[in-house]
Amino acid sequence: MQIEKPRLEYASFWQRVNAFFVDRIILFPWAALDMWWSMNFHSYFFYFLPLNLALMFFYEIYLVKRFSGTPGKLLTGIVITKYDGSRVTWKEAVLRFSIKLSISFLISVAYFIAASNINSNYYNSLTMFEQDQIIRRNIPSWIYPLDEIISVYELVDLIAVVTDKKRRSIRDRIAGTVVIKKSAPNNIQ
């Protein structure tokens, strides 16, 4: 006797978009604090950037492993599972976010290098525009291709979700995951 697998009900493109925007609303206070600190304190590059990486790890990896999704996904009624509908493990959670985390880490290193070449008192005396200019003059040139790579990755990821029948993103394919409706059969409890 063969047991029939329950059919997964995949999240729609618009459900995923809604979850993205809910996550951005939730993270807005942190983003505002991040922007304020970067404009007012040279120490931002030494303390806040590592905190941002830690927040990304917590939000995109720990919460996905622990609760099967970010708050945005959970609030919009969708969850992340393996292809077979089972819970995501650490492996899938890390793989799912590996590209963005790697690029974000390298960008953080570049800003750290740039800030290391600037006197703290001098930096803090500058206007926001002047701070941006001095960081750009001191940032390693290898950061510019990373900016392009992340933009292309996000565009390809969006196209993948729109064109795939299961609405899988590039990160879903890398990690072996899918995003399903919470009320779908084989639901994550």
Protein backbone atom coordinates (compact mmCIF):
# COMPACT_ATOMS: atom_id res chain seq x y z
CA MET A 1 0.00 0.00 0.00
CA GLN A 2 1.42 3.35 -1.06
CA ILE A 3 0.85 6.42 1.10
CA GLU A 4 -0.13 9.47 -0.89
CA LYS A 5 1.80 12.66 -0.06
CA PRO A 6 -0.34 15.68 0.72
CA ARG A 7 -0.24 18.34 -1.96
CA LEU A 8 1.43 21.61 -0.95
CA GLU A 9 -0.36 24.87 -1.70
CA TYR A 10 2.38 27.26 -2.78
CA ALA A 11 2.33 30.91 -1.75
CA SER A 12 1.51 33.29 -4.58
CA PHE A 13 3.85 35.96 -5.86
CA TRP A 14 1.72 38.67 -4.22
CA GLN A 15 1.69 36.87 -0.86
CA ARG A 16 5.47 36.84 -0.97
CA VAL A 17 5.53 40.53 -1.93
CA ASN A 18 3.19 41.36 0.97
CA ALA A 19 5.42 39.41 3.37
CA PHE A 20 8.45 41.34 2.10
CA PHE A 21 6.76 44.69 2.79
CA VAL A 22 5.54 43.60 6.24
CA ASP A 23 9.13 42.63 7.08
CA ARG A 24 10.36 46.04 5.90
CA ILE A 25 7.77 47.78 8.10
CA ILE A 26 8.86 45.68 11.09
CA LEU A 27 12.53 46.46 10.42
CA PHE A 28 11.96 50.17 9.73
CA PRO A 29 12.83 51.37 13.28
CA TRP A 30 16.15 49.52 13.08
CA ALA A 31 16.82 50.96 9.62
CA ALA A 32 16.07 54.49 10.87
CA LEU A 33 18.41 54.02 13.84
CA ASP A 34 21.02 52.58 11.50
CA MET A 35 20.81 55.62 9.21
CA TRP A 36 20.89 58.08 12.11
CA TRP A 37 23.91 56.39 13.71
CA SER A 38 25.81 56.24 10.39
CA MET A 39 25.27 59.98 9.87
CA ASN A 40 26.30 60.96 13.39
CA PHE A 41 28.99 58.60 14.59
CA HIS A 42 32.16 57.33 12.96
CA SER A 43 31.98 54.38 15.37
CA TYR A 44 29.00 53.16 13.34
CA PHE A 45 31.34 51.32 11.00
CA PHE A 46 33.00 49.46 13.85
CA TYR A 47 29.96 48.57 15.98
CA PHE A 48 26.72 48.92 14.06
CA LEU A 49 27.73 47.01 10.93
CA PRO A 50 28.50 43.84 12.94
CA LEU A 51 25.17 44.36 14.75
CA ASN A 52 23.43 44.55 11.35
CA LEU A 53 24.98 41.25 10.33
CA ALA A 54 23.86 39.71 13.62
CA LEU A 55 20.31 41.05 13.06
CA MET A 56 20.30 39.59 9.54
CA PHE A 57 21.39 36.22 10.92
CA PHE A 58 18.67 36.35 13.58
CA TYR A 59 15.90 37.55 11.27
CA GLU A 60 16.65 35.55 8.14
CA ILE A 61 18.21 32.38 9.55
CA TYR A 62 17.22 31.81 13.19
CA LEU A 63 13.56 32.83 12.76
CA VAL A 64 13.25 30.76 9.58
CA LYS A 65 14.66 27.72 11.36
CA ARG A 66 12.69 28.25 14.58
CA PHE A 67 9.32 29.44 13.25
CA SER A 68 9.44 28.48 9.54
CA GLY A 69 9.54 32.09 8.40
CA THR A 70 10.20 35.72 9.10
CA PRO A 71 7.52 37.71 10.94
CA GLY A 72 6.35 39.10 7.58
CA LYS A 73 5.77 35.64 6.18
CA LEU A 74 4.06 34.39 9.32
CA LEU A 75 1.80 37.46 9.57
CA THR A 76 0.75 37.07 5.94
CA GLY A 77 -0.06 33.39 6.39
CA ILE A 78 2.85 31.75 4.61
CA VAL A 79 5.73 29.56 5.83
CA ILE A 80 8.98 28.14 4.48
CA THR A 81 9.32 24.35 4.30
CA LYS A 82 11.50 21.78 2.59
CA TYR A 83 10.26 20.52 -0.78
CA ASP A 84 8.45 17.66 0.96
CA GLY A 85 6.64 20.00 3.38
CA SER A 86 8.81 19.14 6.40
CA ARG A 87 10.38 21.72 8.70
CA VAL A 88 13.43 23.70 7.64
CA THR A 89 16.66 22.72 9.43
CA TRP A 90 19.72 24.88 10.12
CA LYS A 91 21.19 23.68 6.84
CA GLU A 92 18.30 24.97 4.72
CA ALA A 93 17.97 28.19 6.73
CA VAL A 94 21.66 29.03 6.24
CA LEU A 95 21.74 27.97 2.59
CA ARG A 96 18.61 29.99 1.86
CA PHE A 97 20.28 33.19 2.99
CA SER A 98 23.90 32.35 2.09
CA ILE A 99 24.28 34.51 -1.03
CA LYS A 100 22.86 37.67 0.52
CA LEU A 101 24.68 37.11 3.81
CA SER A 102 28.01 36.57 2.03
CA ILE A 103 27.65 39.70 -0.09
CA SER A 104 26.43 41.75 2.89
CA PHE A 105 29.43 40.59 4.90
CA LEU A 106 31.84 41.63 2.14
CA ILE A 107 30.15 45.03 1.81
CA SER A 108 30.45 45.48 5.58
CA VAL A 109 34.16 44.65 5.40
CA ALA A 110 34.60 47.25 2.64
CA TYR A 111 32.92 49.96 4.74
CA PHE A 112 34.97 48.92 7.75
CA ILE A 113 38.17 49.30 5.69
CA ALA A 114 37.05 52.72 4.45
CA ALA A 115 36.20 53.93 7.95
CA SER A 116 39.54 52.70 9.29
CA ASN A 117 41.29 55.20 7.02
CA ILE A 118 39.35 58.21 8.34
CA ASN A 119 39.97 60.15 11.54
CA SER A 120 36.93 59.88 13.84
CA ASN A 121 36.84 63.56 14.89
CA TYR A 122 37.21 64.69 11.30
CA TYR A 123 34.42 62.36 10.12
CA ASN A 124 32.04 63.49 12.86
CA SER A 125 32.61 67.16 11.94
CA LEU A 126 31.44 66.63 8.34
CA THR A 127 27.98 67.05 6.88
CA MET A 128 26.12 63.94 5.75
CA PHE A 129 27.02 64.67 2.12
CA GLU A 130 30.71 65.13 2.97
CA GLN A 131 30.70 61.92 5.04
CA ASP A 132 29.32 60.03 2.08
CA GLN A 133 31.97 61.50 -0.22
CA ILE A 134 34.88 60.63 2.09
CA ILE A 135 33.62 57.08 2.60
CA ARG A 136 33.32 56.66 -1.18
CA ARG A 137 36.88 57.96 -1.68
CA ASN A 138 38.23 55.46 0.86
CA ILE A 139 36.16 52.40 0.05
CA PRO A 140 37.94 49.56 -1.74
CA SER A 141 37.16 49.40 -5.45
CA TRP A 142 36.11 45.75 -5.23
CA ILE A 143 32.84 46.81 -3.58
CA TYR A 144 31.37 48.21 -6.81
CA PRO A 145 30.96 44.84 -8.57
CA LEU A 146 29.30 43.55 -5.38
CA ASP A 147 26.65 46.27 -5.63
CA GLU A 148 25.94 45.15 -9.19
CA ILE A 149 25.94 41.46 -8.24
CA ILE A 150 23.36 42.00 -5.47
CA SER A 151 21.15 44.02 -7.84
CA VAL A 152 21.31 41.34 -10.55
CA TYR A 153 20.73 38.59 -7.97
CA GLU A 154 17.60 40.31 -6.64
CA LEU A 155 16.26 40.85 -10.16
CA VAL A 156 16.88 37.21 -11.16
CA ASP A 157 15.35 36.10 -7.84
CA LEU A 158 12.21 38.12 -8.60
CA ILE A 159 11.99 36.70 -12.12
CA ALA A 160 12.39 33.18 -10.71
CA VAL A 161 9.45 33.66 -8.32
CA VAL A 162 7.25 35.09 -11.07
CA THR A 163 8.02 32.38 -13.62
CA ASP A 164 8.27 29.22 -11.47
CA LYS A 165 5.08 27.17 -11.02
CA LYS A 166 5.96 26.59 -7.36
CA ARG A 167 6.97 30.26 -6.95
CA ARG A 168 10.50 29.24 -5.87
CA SER A 169 13.15 31.93 -5.63
CA ILE A 170 16.85 31.36 -6.30
CA ARG A 171 17.37 30.99 -2.54
CA ASP A 172 14.59 28.38 -2.41
CA ARG A 173 16.33 26.39 -5.14
CA ILE A 174 19.70 26.62 -3.40
CA ALA A 175 18.26 25.48 -0.06
CA GLY A 176 15.69 22.96 -1.30
CA THR A 177 12.79 24.94 0.15
CA VAL A 178 9.37 26.23 -0.92
CA VAL A 179 7.06 28.85 0.52
CA ILE A 180 3.56 27.54 1.16
CA LYS A 181 0.31 28.82 2.54
CA LYS A 182 0.08 28.17 6.28
CA SER A 183 -3.35 26.61 5.91
CA ALA A 184 -2.07 24.17 3.31
CA PRO A 185 -2.11 20.43 3.97
CA ASN A 186 0.95 19.12 5.79
CA ASN A 187 1.01 22.44 7.60
CA ILE A 188 3.92 23.36 9.86
CA GLN A 189 2.61 23.43 13.41
